[in-house]
PDB file of all heavy atoms in Angstrom:
ATOM      1  N   GLY A   1       0.818  -1.194   0.000  1.00  0.00           N
ATOM      2  CA  GLY A   1       0.000   0.000   0.000  1.00  0.00           C
ATOM      3  C   GLY A   1       0.855   1.248   0.000  1.00  0.00           C
ATOM      4  O   GLY A   1       2.024   1.224  -0.398  1.00  0.00           O
ATOM      5  N   PHE A   2       0.262   2.350   0.480  1.00  0.00           N
ATOM      6  CA  PHE A   2       0.930   3.643   0.426  1.00  0.00           C
ATOM      7  C   PHE A   2       0.730   4.433   1.703  1.00  0.00           C
ATOM      8  O   PHE A   2      -0.271   4.278   2.397  1.00  0.00           O
ATOM      9  CB  PHE A   2       0.398   4.458  -0.757  1.00  0.00           C
ATOM     10  CG  PHE A   2       0.710   3.829  -2.079  1.00  0.00           C
ATOM     11  CD1 PHE A   2      -0.197   2.970  -2.677  1.00  0.00           C
ATOM     12  CD2 PHE A   2       1.924   4.072  -2.698  1.00  0.00           C
ATOM     13  CE1 PHE A   2       0.099   2.360  -3.885  1.00  0.00           C
ATOM     14  CE2 PHE A   2       2.235   3.466  -3.902  1.00  0.00           C
ATOM     15  CZ  PHE A   2       1.321   2.614  -4.505  1.00  0.00           C
ATOM     16  N   LEU A   3       1.679   5.319   1.976  1.00  0.00           N
ATOM     17  CA  LEU A   3       1.604   6.284   3.058  1.00  0.00           C
ATOM     18  C   LEU A   3       1.596   7.656   2.400  1.00  0.00           C
ATOM     19  O   LEU A   3       2.533   8.012   1.686  1.00  0.00           O
ATOM     20  CB  LEU A   3       2.811   6.147   3.979  1.00  0.00           C
ATOM     21  CG  LEU A   3       3.007   7.217   5.052  1.00  0.00           C
ATOM     22  CD1 LEU A   3       1.859   7.193   6.047  1.00  0.00           C
ATOM     23  CD2 LEU A   3       4.338   7.009   5.760  1.00  0.00           C
ATOM     24  N   SER A   4       0.526   8.399   2.606  1.00  0.00           N
ATOM     25  CA  SER A   4       0.389   9.726   2.019  1.00  0.00           C
ATOM     26  C   SER A   4       0.362  10.757   3.134  1.00  0.00           C
ATOM     27  O   SER A   4      -0.427  10.647   4.072  1.00  0.00           O
ATOM     28  CB  SER A   4      -0.908   9.804   1.214  1.00  0.00           C
ATOM     29  OG  SER A   4      -1.162  11.123   0.795  1.00  0.00           O
ATOM     30  N   VAL A   5       1.224  11.764   3.012  1.00  0.00           N
ATOM     31  CA  VAL A   5       1.289  12.823   4.007  1.00  0.00           C
ATOM     32  C   VAL A   5       1.056  14.151   3.298  1.00  0.00           C
ATOM     33  O   VAL A   5       1.744  14.474   2.331  1.00  0.00           O
ATOM     34  CB  VAL A   5       2.661  12.840   4.718  1.00  0.00           C
ATOM     35  CG1 VAL A   5       2.743  13.989   5.708  1.00  0.00           C
ATOM     36  CG2 VAL A   5       2.918  11.513   5.411  1.00  0.00           C
ATOM     37  N   SER A   6       0.060  14.890   3.780  1.00  0.00           N
ATOM     38  CA  SER A   6      -0.175  16.249   3.288  1.00  0.00           C
ATOM     39  C   SER A   6      -0.050  17.183   4.484  1.00  0.00           C
ATOM     40  O   SER A   6       0.192  16.737   5.611  1.00  0.00           O
ATOM     41  CB  SER A   6      -1.562  16.369   2.643  1.00  0.00           C
ATOM     42  OG  SER A   6      -2.569  16.355   3.632  1.00  0.00           O
ATOM     43  N   THR A   7      -0.237  18.454   4.273  1.00  0.00           N
ATOM     44  CA  THR A   7      -0.136  19.403   5.383  1.00  0.00           C
ATOM     45  C   THR A   7      -1.277  19.239   6.376  1.00  0.00           C
ATOM     46  O   THR A   7      -1.161  19.659   7.517  1.00  0.00           O
ATOM     47  CB  THR A   7      -0.116  20.854   4.856  1.00  0.00           C
ATOM     48  OG1 THR A   7      -1.297  21.073   4.087  1.00  0.00           O
ATOM     49  CG2 THR A   7       1.120  21.119   4.036  1.00  0.00           C
ATOM     50  N   LYS A   8      -2.377  18.604   5.954  1.00  0.00           N
ATOM     51  CA  LYS A   8      -3.555  18.491   6.809  1.00  0.00           C
ATOM     52  C   LYS A   8      -3.907  17.067   7.235  1.00  0.00           C
ATOM     53  O   LYS A   8      -4.762  16.881   8.098  1.00  0.00           O
ATOM     54  CB  LYS A   8      -4.769  19.091   6.101  1.00  0.00           C
ATOM     55  CG  LYS A   8      -4.607  20.559   5.810  1.00  0.00           C
ATOM     56  CD  LYS A   8      -5.844  21.121   5.175  1.00  0.00           C
ATOM     57  CE  LYS A   8      -5.580  22.503   4.677  1.00  0.00           C
ATOM     58  NZ  LYS A   8      -6.093  23.544   5.479  1.00  0.00           N
ATOM     59  N   LYS A   9      -3.262  16.045   6.611  1.00  0.00           N
ATOM     60  CA  LYS A   9      -3.716  14.681   6.878  1.00  0.00           C
ATOM     61  C   LYS A   9      -2.636  13.651   6.565  1.00  0.00           C
ATOM     62  O   LYS A   9      -1.862  13.826   5.636  1.00  0.00           O
ATOM     63  CB  LYS A   9      -4.946  14.394   6.009  1.00  0.00           C
ATOM     64  CG  LYS A   9      -5.651  13.103   6.299  1.00  0.00           C
ATOM     65  CD  LYS A   9      -6.897  13.021   5.429  1.00  0.00           C
ATOM     66  CE  LYS A   9      -7.803  11.913   5.852  1.00  0.00           C
ATOM     67  NZ  LYS A   9      -9.015  11.866   5.043  1.00  0.00           N
ATOM     68  N   ILE A  10      -2.637  12.573   7.358  1.00  0.00           N
ATOM     69  CA  ILE A  10      -1.814  11.397   7.087  1.00  0.00           C
ATOM     70  C   ILE A  10      -2.768  10.263   6.749  1.00  0.00           C
ATOM     71  O   ILE A  10      -3.684   9.978   7.518  1.00  0.00           O
ATOM     72  CB  ILE A  10      -0.961  10.995   8.304  1.00  0.00           C
ATOM     73  CG1 ILE A  10      -0.020  12.118   8.710  1.00  0.00           C
ATOM     74  CG2 ILE A  10      -0.192   9.704   8.021  1.00  0.00           C
ATOM     75  CD1 ILE A  10       0.683  11.879  10.042  1.00  0.00           C
ATOM     76  N   THR A  11      -2.547   9.637   5.601  1.00  0.00           N
ATOM     77  CA  THR A  11      -3.373   8.501   5.205  1.00  0.00           C
ATOM     78  C   THR A  11      -2.481   7.298   4.963  1.00  0.00           C
ATOM     79  O   THR A  11      -1.523   7.372   4.186  1.00  0.00           O
ATOM     80  CB  THR A  11      -4.166   8.804   3.918  1.00  0.00           C
ATOM     81  OG1 THR A  11      -4.989   9.951   4.136  1.00  0.00           O
ATOM     82  CG2 THR A  11      -5.036   7.620   3.522  1.00  0.00           C
ATOM     83  N   VAL A  12      -2.796   6.203   5.634  1.00  0.00           N
ATOM     84  CA  VAL A  12      -2.149   4.926   5.375  1.00  0.00           C
ATOM     85  C   VAL A  12      -3.187   4.096   4.628  1.00  0.00           C
ATOM     86  O   VAL A  12      -4.247   3.775   5.176  1.00  0.00           O
ATOM     87  CB  VAL A  12      -1.724   4.210   6.672  1.00  0.00           C
ATOM     88  CG1 VAL A  12      -1.063   2.883   6.347  1.00  0.00           C
ATOM     89  CG2 VAL A  12      -0.805   5.104   7.503  1.00  0.00           C
ATOM     90  N   LEU A  13      -2.901   3.793   3.373  1.00  0.00           N
ATOM     91  CA  LEU A  13      -3.802   3.005   2.533  1.00  0.00           C
ATOM     92  C   LEU A  13      -3.117   1.673   2.252  1.00  0.00           C
ATOM     93  O   LEU A  13      -2.204   1.602   1.432  1.00  0.00           O
ATOM     94  CB  LEU A  13      -4.117   3.743   1.229  1.00  0.00           C
ATOM     95  CG  LEU A  13      -5.046   3.026   0.256  1.00  0.00           C
ATOM     96  CD1 LEU A  13      -6.383   2.695   0.912  1.00  0.00           C
ATOM     97  CD2 LEU A  13      -5.264   3.866  -0.983  1.00  0.00           C
ATOM     98  N   ALA A  14      -3.543   0.637   2.966  1.00  0.00           N
ATOM     99  CA  ALA A  14      -2.904  -0.674   2.880  1.00  0.00           C
ATOM    100  C   ALA A  14      -3.717  -1.622   2.011  1.00  0.00           C
ATOM    101  O   ALA A  14      -4.941  -1.543   1.961  1.00  0.00           O
ATOM    102  CB  ALA A  14      -2.766  -1.269   4.280  1.00  0.00           C
ATOM    103  N   ASP A  15      -3.000  -2.510   1.331  1.00  0.00           N
ATOM    104  CA  ASP A  15      -3.695  -3.564   0.590  1.00  0.00           C
ATOM    105  C   ASP A  15      -4.447  -4.456   1.579  1.00  0.00           C
ATOM    106  O   ASP A  15      -5.612  -4.763   1.382  1.00  0.00           O
ATOM    107  CB  ASP A  15      -2.708  -4.402  -0.223  1.00  0.00           C
ATOM    108  CG  ASP A  15      -2.033  -3.604  -1.333  1.00  0.00           C
ATOM    109  OD1 ASP A  15      -2.621  -2.598  -1.795  1.00  0.00           O
ATOM    110  OD2 ASP A  15      -0.919  -3.964  -1.726  1.00  0.00           O
ATOM    111  N   LYS A  16      -3.759  -4.849   2.648  1.00  0.00           N
ATOM    112  CA  LYS A  16      -4.361  -5.637   3.732  1.00  0.00           C
ATOM    113  C   LYS A  16      -3.782  -5.122   5.039  1.00  0.00           C
ATOM    114  O   LYS A  16      -2.635  -4.697   5.093  1.00  0.00           O
ATOM    115  CB  LYS A  16      -4.033  -7.120   3.588  1.00  0.00           C
ATOM    116  CG  LYS A  16      -4.641  -7.761   2.376  1.00  0.00           C
ATOM    117  CD  LYS A  16      -4.303  -9.233   2.316  1.00  0.00           C
ATOM    118  CE  LYS A  16      -4.886  -9.833   1.041  1.00  0.00           C
ATOM    119  NZ  LYS A  16      -4.559 -11.243   0.905  1.00  0.00           N
ATOM    120  N   ALA A  17      -4.577  -5.183   6.094  1.00  0.00           N
ATOM    121  CA  ALA A  17      -4.100  -4.758   7.408  1.00  0.00           C
ATOM    122  C   ALA A  17      -4.888  -5.472   8.497  1.00  0.00           C
ATOM    123  O   ALA A  17      -6.065  -5.778   8.328  1.00  0.00           O
ATOM    124  CB  ALA A  17      -4.245  -3.250   7.573  1.00  0.00           C
ATOM    125  N   VAL A  18      -4.206  -5.729   9.606  1.00  0.00           N
ATOM    126  CA  VAL A  18      -4.839  -6.348  10.764  1.00  0.00           C
ATOM    127  C   VAL A  18      -4.221  -5.727  12.008  1.00  0.00           C
ATOM    128  O   VAL A  18      -3.007  -5.498  12.065  1.00  0.00           O
ATOM    129  CB  VAL A  18      -4.671  -7.892  10.748  1.00  0.00           C
ATOM    130  CG1 VAL A  18      -3.231  -8.316  10.776  1.00  0.00           C
ATOM    131  CG2 VAL A  18      -5.438  -8.542  11.875  1.00  0.00           C
ATOM    132  N   TRP A  19      -5.066  -5.398  13.003  1.00  0.00           N
ATOM    133  CA  TRP A  19      -4.558  -4.876  14.262  1.00  0.00           C
ATOM    134  C   TRP A  19      -3.772  -5.961  14.986  1.00  0.00           C
ATOM    135  O   TRP A  19      -4.119  -7.144  14.918  1.00  0.00           O
ATOM    136  CB  TRP A  19      -5.695  -4.407  15.157  1.00  0.00           C
ATOM    137  CG  TRP A  19      -6.363  -3.167  14.688  1.00  0.00           C
ATOM    138  CD1 TRP A  19      -7.661  -3.038  14.315  1.00  0.00           C
ATOM    139  CD2 TRP A  19      -5.774  -1.872  14.528  1.00  0.00           C
ATOM    140  NE1 TRP A  19      -7.915  -1.738  13.940  1.00  0.00           N
ATOM    141  CE2 TRP A  19      -6.765  -1.002  14.060  1.00  0.00           C
ATOM    142  CE3 TRP A  19      -4.486  -1.360  14.733  1.00  0.00           C
ATOM    143  CZ2 TRP A  19      -6.533   0.339  13.800  1.00  0.00           C
ATOM    144  CZ3 TRP A  19      -4.247  -0.018  14.476  1.00  0.00           C
ATOM    145  CH2 TRP A  19      -5.254   0.818  14.022  1.00  0.00           C
ATOM    146  N   ALA A  20      -2.751  -5.567  15.702  1.00  0.00           N
ATOM    147  CA  ALA A  20      -1.924  -6.520  16.447  1.00  0.00           C
ATOM    148  C   ALA A  20      -2.761  -7.365  17.401  1.00  0.00           C
ATOM    149  O   ALA A  20      -2.528  -8.566  17.537  1.00  0.00           O
ATOM    150  CB  ALA A  20      -0.833  -5.775  17.215  1.00  0.00           C
ATOM    151  N   ASP A  21      -3.774  -6.749  18.028  1.00  0.00           N
ATOM    152  CA  ASP A  21      -4.580  -7.514  18.986  1.00  0.00           C
ATOM    153  C   ASP A  21      -5.582  -8.451  18.313  1.00  0.00           C
ATOM    154  O   ASP A  21      -6.255  -9.224  18.982  1.00  0.00           O
ATOM    155  CB  ASP A  21      -5.273  -6.605  19.990  1.00  0.00           C
ATOM    156  CG  ASP A  21      -6.265  -5.633  19.365  1.00  0.00           C
ATOM    157  OD1 ASP A  21      -6.476  -5.676  18.140  1.00  0.00           O
ATOM    158  OD2 ASP A  21      -6.831  -4.816  20.112  1.00  0.00           O
ATOM    159  N   GLU A  22      -5.680  -8.412  16.989  1.00  0.00           N
ATOM    160  CA  GLU A  22      -6.536  -9.344  16.242  1.00  0.00           C
ATOM    161  C   GLU A  22      -5.770 -10.572  15.756  1.00  0.00           C
ATOM    162  O   GLU A  22      -6.368 -11.523  15.252  1.00  0.00           O
ATOM    163  CB  GLU A  22      -7.155  -8.651  15.024  1.00  0.00           C
ATOM    164  CG  GLU A  22      -8.080  -7.519  15.354  1.00  0.00           C
ATOM    165  CD  GLU A  22      -8.545  -6.751  14.129  1.00  0.00           C
ATOM    166  OE1 GLU A  22      -7.885  -6.803  13.071  1.00  0.00           O
ATOM    167  OE2 GLU A  22      -9.585  -6.092  14.235  1.00  0.00           O
ATOM    168  N   VAL A  23      -4.448 -10.547  15.905  1.00  0.00           N
ATOM    169  CA  VAL A  23      -3.605 -11.638  15.397  1.00  0.00           C
ATOM    170  C   VAL A  23      -3.745 -12.863  16.287  1.00  0.00           C
ATOM    171  O   VAL A  23      -3.628 -12.767  17.514  1.00  0.00           O
ATOM    172  CB  VAL A  23      -2.123 -11.200  15.322  1.00  0.00           C
ATOM    173  CG1 VAL A  23      -1.223 -12.371  14.971  1.00  0.00           C
ATOM    174  CG2 VAL A  23      -1.960 -10.067  14.331  1.00  0.00           C
ATOM    175  N   ASP A  24      -3.994 -14.003  15.674  1.00  0.00           N
ATOM    176  CA  ASP A  24      -3.975 -15.288  16.368  1.00  0.00           C
ATOM    177  C   ASP A  24      -2.510 -15.728  16.390  1.00  0.00           C
ATOM    178  O   ASP A  24      -1.976 -16.200  15.384  1.00  0.00           O
ATOM    179  CB  ASP A  24      -4.848 -16.310  15.636  1.00  0.00           C
ATOM    180  CG  ASP A  24      -4.870 -17.671  16.285  1.00  0.00           C
ATOM    181  OD1 ASP A  24      -3.912 -18.016  17.018  1.00  0.00           O
ATOM    182  OD2 ASP A  24      -5.843 -18.403  16.059  1.00  0.00           O
ATOM    183  N   VAL A  25      -1.845 -15.523  17.521  1.00  0.00           N
ATOM    184  CA  VAL A  25      -0.406 -15.735  17.616  1.00  0.00           C
ATOM    185  C   VAL A  25      -0.029 -17.186  17.316  1.00  0.00           C
ATOM    186  O   VAL A  25       0.928 -17.437  16.573  1.00  0.00           O
ATOM    187  CB  VAL A  25       0.121 -15.303  19.006  1.00  0.00           C
ATOM    188  CG1 VAL A  25       1.585 -15.666  19.177  1.00  0.00           C
ATOM    189  CG2 VAL A  25      -0.078 -13.805  19.187  1.00  0.00           C
ATOM    190  N   SER A  26      -0.764 -18.144  17.843  1.00  0.00           N
ATOM    191  CA  SER A  26      -0.409 -19.550  17.584  1.00  0.00           C
ATOM    192  C   SER A  26      -0.572 -19.898  16.104  1.00  0.00           C
ATOM    193  O   SER A  26       0.245 -20.631  15.542  1.00  0.00           O
ATOM    194  CB  SER A  26      -1.206 -20.508  18.474  1.00  0.00           C
ATOM    195  OG  SER A  26      -2.586 -20.363  18.257  1.00  0.00           O
ATOM    196  N   ASP A  27      -1.594 -19.346  15.459  1.00  0.00           N
ATOM    197  CA  ASP A  27      -1.767 -19.560  14.018  1.00  0.00           C
ATOM    198  C   ASP A  27      -0.617 -18.922  13.244  1.00  0.00           C
ATOM    199  O   ASP A  27      -0.061 -19.531  12.326  1.00  0.00           O
ATOM    200  CB  ASP A  27      -3.109 -18.997  13.551  1.00  0.00           C
ATOM    201  CG  ASP A  27      -3.290 -19.126  12.054  1.00  0.00           C
ATOM    202  OD1 ASP A  27      -3.268 -20.274  11.546  1.00  0.00           O
ATOM    203  OD2 ASP A  27      -3.437 -18.082  11.382  1.00  0.00           O
ATOM    204  N   ALA A  28      -0.252 -17.696  13.607  1.00  0.00           N
ATOM    205  CA  ALA A  28       0.844 -17.009  12.922  1.00  0.00           C
ATOM    206  C   ALA A  28       2.159 -17.764  13.115  1.00  0.00           C
ATOM    207  O   ALA A  28       2.936 -17.929  12.169  1.00  0.00           O
ATOM    208  CB  ALA A  28       0.977 -15.580  13.434  1.00  0.00           C
ATOM    209  N   GLU A  29       2.392 -18.275  14.316  1.00  0.00           N
ATOM    210  CA  GLU A  29       3.613 -19.045  14.567  1.00  0.00           C
ATOM    211  C   GLU A  29       3.653 -20.319  13.728  1.00  0.00           C
ATOM    212  O   GLU A  29       4.695 -20.698  13.208  1.00  0.00           O
ATOM    213  CB  GLU A  29       3.744 -19.372  16.051  1.00  0.00           C
ATOM    214  CG  GLU A  29       4.116 -18.165  16.873  1.00  0.00           C
ATOM    215  CD  GLU A  29       4.082 -18.402  18.367  1.00  0.00           C
ATOM    216  OE1 GLU A  29       3.464 -19.402  18.824  1.00  0.00           O
ATOM    217  OE2 GLU A  29       4.658 -17.577  19.098  1.00  0.00           O
ATOM    218  N   SER A  30       2.505 -20.972  13.552  1.00  0.00           N
ATOM    219  CA  SER A  30       2.478 -22.182  12.724  1.00  0.00           C
ATOM    220  C   SER A  30       2.701 -21.852  11.247  1.00  0.00           C
ATOM    221  O   SER A  30       3.311 -22.621  10.518  1.00  0.00           O
ATOM    222  CB  SER A  30       1.177 -22.965  12.922  1.00  0.00           C
ATOM    223  OG  SER A  30       0.083 -22.259  12.388  1.00  0.00           O
ATOM    224  N   ARG A  31       2.226 -20.663  10.809  1.00  0.00           N
ATOM    225  CA  ARG A  31       2.440 -20.259   9.416  1.00  0.00           C
ATOM    226  C   ARG A  31       3.898 -19.930   9.113  1.00  0.00           C
ATOM    227  O   ARG A  31       4.297 -19.878   7.955  1.00  0.00           O
ATOM    228  CB  ARG A  31       1.531 -19.088   9.054  1.00  0.00           C
ATOM    229  CG  ARG A  31       0.080 -19.518   8.901  1.00  0.00           C
ATOM    230  CD  ARG A  31      -0.808 -18.394   8.426  1.00  0.00           C
ATOM    231  NE  ARG A  31      -1.125 -17.510   9.548  1.00  0.00           N
ATOM    232  CZ  ARG A  31      -0.972 -16.196   9.551  1.00  0.00           C
ATOM    233  NH1 ARG A  31      -0.538 -15.560   8.498  1.00  0.00           N
ATOM    234  NH2 ARG A  31      -1.267 -15.487  10.631  1.00  0.00           N
ATOM    235  N   LEU A  32       4.707 -19.725  10.151  1.00  0.00           N
ATOM    236  CA  LEU A  32       6.140 -19.491   9.944  1.00  0.00           C
ATOM    237  C   LEU A  32       6.821 -20.704   9.314  1.00  0.00           C
ATOM    238  O   LEU A  32       7.880 -20.575   8.703  1.00  0.00           O
ATOM    239  CB  LEU A  32       6.833 -19.161  11.266  1.00  0.00           C
ATOM    240  CG  LEU A  32       6.551 -17.800  11.867  1.00  0.00           C
ATOM    241  CD1 LEU A  32       7.213 -17.693  13.233  1.00  0.00           C
ATOM    242  CD2 LEU A  32       7.015 -16.683  10.946  1.00  0.00           C
ATOM    243  N   GLN A  33       6.204 -21.866   9.450  1.00  0.00           N
ATOM    244  CA  GLN A  33       6.770 -23.097   8.885  1.00  0.00           C
ATOM    245  C   GLN A  33       6.352 -23.334   7.442  1.00  0.00           C
ATOM    246  O   GLN A  33       6.765 -24.306   6.819  1.00  0.00           O
ATOM    247  CB  GLN A  33       6.345 -24.305   9.742  1.00  0.00           C
ATOM    248  CG  GLN A  33       6.634 -24.156  11.222  1.00  0.00           C
ATOM    249  CD  GLN A  33       8.077 -23.799  11.510  1.00  0.00           C
ATOM    250  OE1 GLN A  33       8.994 -24.363  10.939  1.00  0.00           O
ATOM    251  NE2 GLN A  33       8.277 -22.825  12.388  1.00  0.00           N
ATOM    252  N   SER A  34       5.558 -22.445   6.884  1.00  0.00           N
ATOM    253  CA  SER A  34       5.037 -22.611   5.533  1.00  0.00           C
ATOM    254  C   SER A  34       6.148 -22.572   4.488  1.00  0.00           C
ATOM    255  O   SER A  34       7.148 -21.869   4.636  1.00  0.00           O
ATOM    256  CB  SER A  34       4.024 -21.499   5.222  1.00  0.00           C
ATOM    257  OG  SER A  34       3.608 -21.576   3.876  1.00  0.00           O
TER     258      SER A  34
END
């Protein structure tokens, strides 16, 4: 995605995003073996 900064606003426009507290840590750890 992109980070856009203007004099009045910061916009982070991501292709995909998830809050840290939404992450299933055990699932993410298992995906490290992919």
